[in-house]
């Protein structure tokens, strides 16, 4: 096996075009390689910045869930300056 290099990625709070970043297929392949090398879910999670339960769930499911998109018509946004509605 080749030595795995740490993956540098933005924090989970950073967004890309309004959507939270999710694990990429390449990153998931790294997870599988780390598991084959005997790394625990905790070790993988610490290295990649995901919770160990999330790593475990994705490994058991065969990968992370597909990204979901929300149609523009389904998005709800308050007009600028409107904080709440009082009755």
Protein backbone atom coordinates (compact mmCIF):
# COMPACT_ATOMS: atom_id res chain seq x y z
CA UNK A 1 0.00 0.00 0.00
CA UNK A 2 1.08 3.56 -0.61
CA UNK A 3 1.41 5.95 2.32
CA UNK A 4 -1.67 8.10 2.63
CA UNK A 5 -1.26 11.84 2.71
CA UNK A 6 -3.44 14.04 4.93
CA UNK A 7 -6.34 15.55 3.02
CA UNK A 8 -6.61 19.32 3.31
CA UNK A 9 -10.17 20.51 3.03
CA UNK A 10 -12.20 23.48 4.18
CA UNK A 11 -13.92 23.32 7.54
CA UNK A 12 -17.46 22.00 7.58
CA UNK A 13 -18.76 25.52 8.25
CA UNK A 14 -17.38 26.84 4.96
CA UNK A 15 -19.82 26.67 2.06
CA UNK A 16 -19.53 26.13 -1.65
CA UNK A 17 -22.25 27.86 -3.66
CA UNK A 18 -24.57 27.89 -0.64
CA UNK A 19 -24.28 24.19 0.15
CA UNK A 20 -22.28 22.63 2.95
CA UNK A 21 -19.33 20.67 1.67
CA UNK A 22 -19.65 16.90 1.87
CA UNK A 23 -17.18 14.07 1.62
CA UNK A 24 -15.98 13.64 -1.95
CA UNK A 25 -15.76 10.22 -3.61
CA UNK A 26 -11.96 10.48 -3.60
CA UNK A 27 -11.97 11.13 0.14
CA UNK A 28 -14.26 8.12 0.68
CA UNK A 29 -11.83 5.95 -1.27
CA UNK A 30 -9.12 7.15 1.14
CA UNK A 31 -11.37 6.11 4.04
CA UNK A 32 -11.65 2.61 2.60
CA UNK A 33 -7.89 2.42 2.10
CA UNK A 34 -7.33 3.53 5.71
CA UNK A 35 -9.72 0.81 6.91
CA UNK A 36 -7.81 -1.80 4.86
CA UNK A 37 -4.63 -0.59 6.57
CA UNK A 38 -6.24 -1.33 9.92
CA UNK A 39 -7.09 2.20 11.06
CA UNK A 40 -10.06 2.57 13.39
CA UNK A 41 -13.07 4.78 12.73
CA UNK A 42 -11.80 7.10 15.49
CA UNK A 43 -8.37 7.44 13.85
CA UNK A 44 -9.89 8.06 10.42
CA UNK A 45 -12.37 10.57 11.84
CA UNK A 46 -9.61 12.48 13.63
CA UNK A 47 -7.50 12.63 10.48
CA UNK A 48 -10.31 13.73 8.17
CA UNK A 49 -12.41 15.81 10.56
CA UNK A 50 -15.54 13.65 10.67
CA UNK A 51 -17.19 11.99 13.66
CA UNK A 52 -16.27 8.28 13.97
CA UNK A 53 -19.96 7.29 13.85
CA UNK A 54 -20.28 9.08 10.51
CA UNK A 55 -17.25 7.23 9.11
CA UNK A 56 -18.70 3.93 10.37
CA UNK A 57 -22.14 4.62 8.85
CA UNK A 58 -20.67 5.54 5.46
CA UNK A 59 -18.44 2.45 5.40
CA UNK A 60 -21.39 0.19 6.17
CA UNK A 61 -23.59 1.94 3.58
CA UNK A 62 -20.93 1.83 0.86
CA UNK A 63 -20.36 5.58 0.79
CA UNK A 64 -21.74 8.92 1.90
CA UNK A 65 -25.29 9.84 0.89
CA UNK A 66 -25.74 11.58 -2.43
CA UNK A 67 -25.92 15.35 -2.27
CA UNK A 68 -29.47 16.65 -2.26
CA UNK A 69 -30.47 19.74 -4.16
CA UNK A 70 -33.27 22.13 -3.33
CA UNK A 71 -35.13 23.74 -6.20
CA UNK A 72 -35.15 27.53 -6.18
CA UNK A 73 -38.97 27.47 -5.94
CA UNK A 74 -38.73 25.52 -2.68
CA UNK A 75 -36.34 27.96 -1.01
CA UNK A 76 -37.88 30.39 1.44
CA UNK A 77 -36.15 33.63 2.33
CA UNK A 78 -37.36 36.66 4.25
CA UNK A 79 -36.98 40.05 2.60
CA UNK A 80 -33.91 42.01 3.72
CA UNK A 81 -34.36 43.69 7.04
CA UNK A 82 -37.23 41.45 8.16
CA UNK A 83 -36.26 39.63 11.32
CA UNK A 84 -39.57 38.18 12.38
CA UNK A 85 -43.31 38.69 12.15
CA UNK A 86 -45.21 40.01 15.14
CA UNK A 87 -48.89 39.56 15.43
